[in-house]
Amino acid sequence: MIGTVDSRDRTAYLLSRPALLATLAETLPDGTISFGTPAPTLDALTDHDVVIGADGLRSPTRRQLFGEKFEPVYIGATAWRGWVPGHRDTVSETWDADALFGITPRDGDLVNWFACVRTDAGHPGGLGYLRSRFGNWHADVRAVLDAATPEALLHHDLYDSPALPSYVSGNTALLGDAAHAMAPNLGRGACEALVDAVTLGRFLTADTDIHAALRRYDRTRRPATRRLVRGSRAMSSVAMTGRLRPLRDLSVKLAAGLA
């Protein structure tokens, strides 16, 4: 098992998604957002100047624009994440062959955690499996799993997106996971959705030609996010490598010595 990567010497800012959504929603007029409500189909939005498909991994908007051949692909790993009571000031991620475990701060006197294991899609394991799989890992991991409960546990197979021919079609733009779902190993998925939104908003407000603004958005965001999709998958392979584990561990130790 490789030693834990710790954020003690660098600043990290973490915000839970519910808190972020609440903060963003507060700036909008009442009734603008309907959480938990399915988005209308493109056929129902023909009167709009611009349609933004930010409807996630299984985006109906993307499917309607480009067909089923661009559905996300399983990367060969599944993840669990949750939270437990407590306080933590640092971020850590521990790597082993075919598995990793991370622990981070979270607002509200909570500690956030995540685990990832190479396995077939649809792995049924719950907390019992995790406690068995990570039971010989270091004390911080064991303590988190001892405190974890089924009510505060999410389990997802991991997917990333094949390269789309464009993030734009007509007056519709794709944003976030609908355009570029990626493995979580670089921690950029939700961050890039925010960058998409800001970039698209700036281009639309700066150009009276909507189609020119959308093309500019595509030219700007598609190359950058495709690099991150590839990089995230590569980092997943490095973090959970089995056959090349000794070389990985040596490389990380050398890099840490140069930092």
Protein backbone atom coordinates (compact mmCIF):
# COMPACT_ATOMS: atom_id res chain seq x y z
CA MET A 1 0.00 0.00 0.00
CA ILE A 2 1.42 3.38 -0.95
CA GLY A 3 1.62 6.03 1.76
CA THR A 4 -1.25 8.48 2.09
CA VAL A 5 -1.08 11.65 -0.01
CA ASP A 6 -1.83 14.49 2.41
CA SER A 7 -2.86 18.09 1.72
CA ARG A 8 -1.26 19.47 4.89
CA ASP A 9 1.20 21.61 2.93
CA ARG A 10 -1.28 23.07 0.46
CA THR A 11 -4.66 24.77 0.68
CA ALA A 12 -7.81 22.91 -0.36
CA TYR A 13 -11.33 24.32 -0.42
CA LEU A 14 -14.19 21.84 -0.23
CA LEU A 15 -17.90 22.58 -0.32
CA SER A 16 -20.69 20.01 -0.24
CA ARG A 17 -22.97 19.98 -3.25
CA PRO A 18 -26.21 20.75 -1.30
CA ALA A 19 -24.59 23.85 0.21
CA LEU A 20 -23.32 24.97 -3.20
CA LEU A 21 -26.69 24.47 -4.88
CA ALA A 22 -28.45 26.36 -2.10
CA THR A 23 -26.00 29.27 -2.42
CA LEU A 24 -26.45 29.47 -6.19
CA ALA A 25 -30.23 29.14 -5.99
CA GLU A 26 -30.47 32.01 -3.51
CA THR A 27 -29.39 34.45 -6.24
CA LEU A 28 -32.30 33.55 -8.54
CA PRO A 29 -35.95 34.64 -8.42
CA ASP A 30 -38.35 32.27 -6.68
CA GLY A 31 -39.65 29.54 -8.96
CA THR A 32 -36.71 29.67 -11.38
CA ILE A 33 -35.43 26.24 -10.33
CA SER A 34 -37.48 23.10 -9.72
CA PHE A 35 -35.24 20.56 -8.03
CA GLY A 36 -36.12 16.92 -8.68
CA THR A 37 -38.21 17.77 -11.75
CA PRO A 38 -37.36 16.08 -15.09
CA ALA A 39 -36.19 18.48 -17.76
CA PRO A 40 -38.51 18.90 -20.77
CA THR A 41 -37.53 17.37 -24.09
CA LEU A 42 -35.98 19.47 -26.82
CA ASP A 43 -39.23 19.29 -28.76
CA ALA A 44 -40.90 21.24 -25.95
CA LEU A 45 -38.29 24.03 -26.00
CA THR A 46 -38.54 25.28 -29.58
CA ASP A 47 -39.51 28.81 -28.49
CA HIS A 48 -36.24 29.37 -26.61
CA ASP A 49 -33.24 31.21 -28.04
CA VAL A 50 -30.76 28.88 -26.32
CA VAL A 51 -31.20 25.47 -24.71
CA ILE A 52 -28.55 24.18 -22.28
CA GLY A 53 -28.46 20.44 -21.72
CA ALA A 54 -26.93 20.02 -18.26
CA ASP A 55 -28.82 16.82 -17.58
CA GLY A 56 -26.03 14.58 -16.42
CA LEU A 57 -24.37 11.28 -17.23
CA ARG A 58 -27.41 9.73 -18.91
CA SER A 59 -28.37 12.96 -20.67
CA PRO A 60 -31.56 12.64 -22.75
CA THR A 61 -30.52 15.87 -24.49
CA ARG A 62 -27.20 14.40 -25.65
CA ARG A 63 -28.94 11.23 -26.80
CA GLN A 64 -31.46 13.21 -28.80
CA LEU A 65 -28.71 15.28 -30.45
CA PHE A 66 -26.10 12.62 -31.16
CA GLY A 67 -27.66 9.20 -30.65
CA GLU A 68 -26.90 6.25 -28.38
CA LYS A 69 -23.38 5.55 -29.70
CA PHE A 70 -22.08 8.36 -27.47
CA GLU A 71 -23.36 6.87 -24.22
CA PRO A 72 -20.75 6.86 -21.39
CA VAL A 73 -18.53 3.78 -21.03
CA TYR A 74 -17.80 1.85 -17.82
CA ILE A 75 -14.17 2.43 -16.78
CA GLY A 76 -13.82 -0.84 -14.87
CA ALA A 77 -14.24 0.52 -11.35
CA THR A 78 -17.01 1.22 -8.87
CA ALA A 79 -17.07 3.78 -6.06
CA TRP A 80 -18.67 4.27 -2.68
CA ARG A 81 -18.90 7.59 -0.88
CA GLY A 82 -20.42 8.84 2.31
CA TRP A 83 -19.96 10.95 5.41
CA VAL A 84 -19.53 10.38 9.14
CA PRO A 85 -19.62 12.71 12.16
CA GLY A 86 -16.33 14.35 13.02
CA HIS A 87 -13.80 17.00 12.08
CA ARG A 88 -10.82 16.90 9.75
CA ASP A 89 -8.46 19.61 8.50
CA THR A 90 -6.61 17.68 5.79
CA VAL A 91 -7.35 15.76 2.62
CA SER A 92 -5.83 12.31 2.16
CA GLU A 93 -5.97 9.58 -0.48
CA THR A 94 -4.42 6.15 -0.01
CA TRP A 95 -3.61 3.87 -2.96
CA ASP A 96 -3.21 0.11 -3.19
CA ALA A 97 -3.43 -2.43 -6.00
CA ASP A 98 -6.95 -2.25 -7.50
CA ALA A 99 -8.32 0.06 -4.78
CA LEU A 100 -8.07 3.49 -3.17
CA PHE A 101 -9.61 5.31 -0.20
CA GLY A 102 -9.96 9.05 0.38
CA ILE A 103 -10.93 11.16 3.40
CA THR A 104 -11.72 14.89 3.27
CA PRO A 105 -13.23 17.64 5.43
CA ARG A 106 -16.89 18.54 5.03
CA ASP A 107 -19.01 21.36 6.39
CA GLY A 108 -21.45 20.73 9.25
CA ASP A 109 -19.04 18.83 11.56
CA LEU A 110 -18.81 15.95 9.12
CA VAL A 111 -16.01 14.01 7.45
CA ASN A 112 -16.44 13.00 3.83
CA TRP A 113 -14.97 9.73 2.51
CA PHE A 114 -14.80 7.78 -0.74
CA ALA A 115 -13.58 4.36 -1.81
CA CYS A 116 -12.95 2.91 -5.25
CA VAL A 117 -12.32 -0.69 -6.32
CA ARG A 118 -11.60 -2.27 -9.69
CA THR A 119 -14.41 -4.73 -10.32
CA ASP A 120 -17.15 -5.68 -12.76
CA ALA A 121 -20.09 -3.32 -13.21
CA GLY A 122 -22.96 -3.87 -10.83
CA HIS A 123 -20.85 -5.00 -7.86
CA PRO A 124 -23.36 -5.50 -5.01
CA GLY A 125 -21.08 -4.80 -2.04
CA GLY A 126 -22.18 -2.57 0.83
CA LEU A 127 -20.58 -1.60 4.14
CA GLY A 128 -19.87 -5.21 5.02
CA TYR A 129 -17.87 -5.64 1.86
CA LEU A 130 -16.00 -2.35 2.39
CA ARG A 131 -15.06 -3.23 5.96
CA SER A 132 -13.72 -6.55 4.74
CA ARG A 133 -11.95 -5.09 1.69
CA PHE A 134 -10.28 -2.25 3.60
CA GLY A 135 -10.08 -3.91 7.02
CA ASN A 136 -6.27 -4.12 7.00
CA TRP A 137 -5.73 -0.50 5.87
CA HIS A 138 -4.49 2.21 8.19
CA ALA A 139 -6.35 3.42 11.29
CA ASP A 140 -8.03 6.46 9.70
CA VAL A 141 -9.70 4.29 7.05
CA ARG A 142 -10.87 1.74 9.58
CA ALA A 143 -12.25 4.43 11.89
CA VAL A 144 -14.27 6.03 9.09
CA LEU A 145 -15.77 2.72 7.98
CA ASP A 146 -16.55 1.75 11.58
CA ALA A 147 -18.58 4.97 11.89
CA ALA A 148 -20.25 4.73 8.48
CA THR A 149 -23.95 3.88 8.17
CA PRO A 150 -26.05 2.60 5.26
CA GLU A 151 -28.17 5.78 5.41
CA ALA A 152 -25.13 7.93 4.57
CA LEU A 153 -23.73 5.77 1.79
CA LEU A 154 -23.85 6.15 -2.01
CA HIS A 155 -22.62 3.50 -4.46
CA HIS A 156 -22.00 4.16 -8.16
CA ASP A 157 -20.30 2.43 -11.04
CA LEU A 158 -17.91 4.84 -12.76
CA TYR A 159 -18.21 5.92 -16.39
CA ASP A 160 -16.60 8.39 -18.73
CA SER A 161 -17.75 9.89 -22.02
CA PRO A 162 -16.52 9.05 -25.51
CA ALA A 163 -15.43 12.08 -27.52
CA LEU A 164 -18.45 13.93 -28.89
CA PRO A 165 -18.21 15.54 -32.33
CA SER A 166 -19.36 18.81 -30.72
CA TYR A 167 -20.81 20.18 -27.50
CA VAL A 168 -23.22 22.23 -29.61
CA SER A 169 -25.97 21.43 -32.10
CA GLY A 170 -28.17 24.20 -33.47
CA ASN A 171 -29.11 26.40 -30.53
CA THR A 172 -28.42 23.69 -27.93
CA ALA A 173 -25.25 23.39 -25.86
CA LEU A 174 -24.22 20.51 -23.63
CA LEU A 175 -22.63 21.21 -20.26
CA GLY A 176 -21.03 19.16 -17.48
CA ASP A 177 -21.44 15.38 -17.40
CA ALA A 178 -23.82 15.54 -20.34
CA ALA A 179 -20.82 16.56 -22.45
CA HIS A 180 -17.75 15.17 -20.68
CA ALA A 181 -18.37 12.73 -17.83
CA MET A 182 -15.03 11.70 -16.37
CA ALA A 183 -13.52 9.46 -13.72
CA PRO A 184 -13.32 11.22 -10.33
CA ASN A 185 -9.58 10.77 -9.87
CA LEU A 186 -8.56 14.34 -10.74
CA GLY A 187 -11.45 15.84 -8.76
CA ARG A 188 -12.51 17.95 -11.75
CA GLY A 189 -15.99 16.70 -12.71
CA ALA A 190 -18.22 19.20 -10.91
CA CYS A 191 -15.54 21.89 -11.20
CA GLU A 192 -15.55 21.64 -15.00
CA ALA A 193 -19.34 21.92 -15.09
CA LEU A 194 -19.00 25.26 -13.29
CA VAL A 195 -16.28 26.37 -15.73
CA ASP A 196 -18.57 25.36 -18.62
CA ALA A 197 -21.41 27.44 -17.21
CA VAL A 198 -19.30 30.55 -16.63
CA THR A 199 -17.63 30.29 -20.04
CA LEU A 200 -20.91 29.79 -21.87
CA GLY A 201 -22.54 32.65 -19.99
CA ARG A 202 -19.70 35.04 -20.83
CA PHE A 203 -19.72 34.16 -24.52
CA LEU A 204 -23.50 34.50 -24.79
CA THR A 205 -23.52 37.93 -23.12
CA ALA A 206 -20.53 39.17 -25.16
CA ASP A 207 -21.85 38.26 -28.62
CA THR A 208 -25.21 39.17 -30.17
CA ASP A 209 -24.81 36.25 -32.59
CA ILE A 210 -25.99 33.28 -30.51
CA HIS A 211 -24.64 30.65 -32.90
CA ALA A 212 -21.21 32.32 -32.99
CA ALA A 213 -21.16 32.36 -29.18
CA LEU A 214 -22.08 28.67 -29.04
CA ARG A 215 -19.37 27.76 -31.55
CA ARG A 216 -16.85 29.71 -29.50
CA TYR A 217 -17.95 27.81 -26.39
CA ASP A 218 -17.42 24.51 -28.19
CA ARG A 219 -13.99 25.49 -29.47
CA THR A 220 -12.93 26.61 -26.00
CA ARG A 221 -14.33 23.90 -23.77
CA ARG A 222 -14.26 20.69 -25.81
CA PRO A 223 -10.46 20.35 -26.18
CA ALA A 224 -9.82 21.28 -22.56
CA THR A 225 -12.37 18.86 -21.11
CA ARG A 226 -11.36 16.01 -23.42
CA ARG A 227 -7.84 16.28 -22.02
CA LEU A 228 -9.28 16.02 -18.52
CA VAL A 229 -11.41 12.98 -19.42
CA ARG A 230 -8.28 11.21 -20.69
CA GLY A 231 -6.20 12.42 -17.76
CA SER A 232 -8.76 11.29 -15.18
CA ARG A 233 -8.90 7.81 -16.68
CA ALA A 234 -5.10 7.66 -16.74
CA MET A 235 -4.93 8.73 -13.10
CA SER A 236 -7.47 6.03 -12.21
CA SER A 237 -5.22 3.46 -13.88
CA VAL A 238 -2.14 4.75 -12.06
CA ALA A 239 -3.80 4.96 -8.63
CA MET A 240 -5.15 1.41 -8.74
CA THR A 241 -2.53 -0.33 -10.84
CA GLY A 242 -1.60 -3.87 -9.91
CA ARG A 243 1.10 -5.06 -12.29
CA LEU A 244 2.99 -1.74 -12.29
CA ARG A 245 2.53 -1.01 -8.60
CA PRO A 246 6.27 -1.08 -7.62
CA LEU A 247 7.13 1.37 -10.41
CA ARG A 248 4.20 3.61 -9.46
CA ASP A 249 5.18 3.68 -5.78
CA LEU A 250 8.80 4.51 -6.61
CA SER A 251 7.76 7.26 -9.01
CA VAL A 252 5.45 8.86 -6.45
CA LYS A 253 8.12 8.75 -3.75
CA LEU A 254 10.67 10.35 -6.06
CA ALA A 255 8.18 13.05 -7.07
CA ALA A 256 7.35 13.76 -3.43
CA GLY A 257 11.06 14.14 -2.66
CA LEU A 258 11.38 16.78 -5.37
CA ALA A 259 8.32 18.78 -4.27
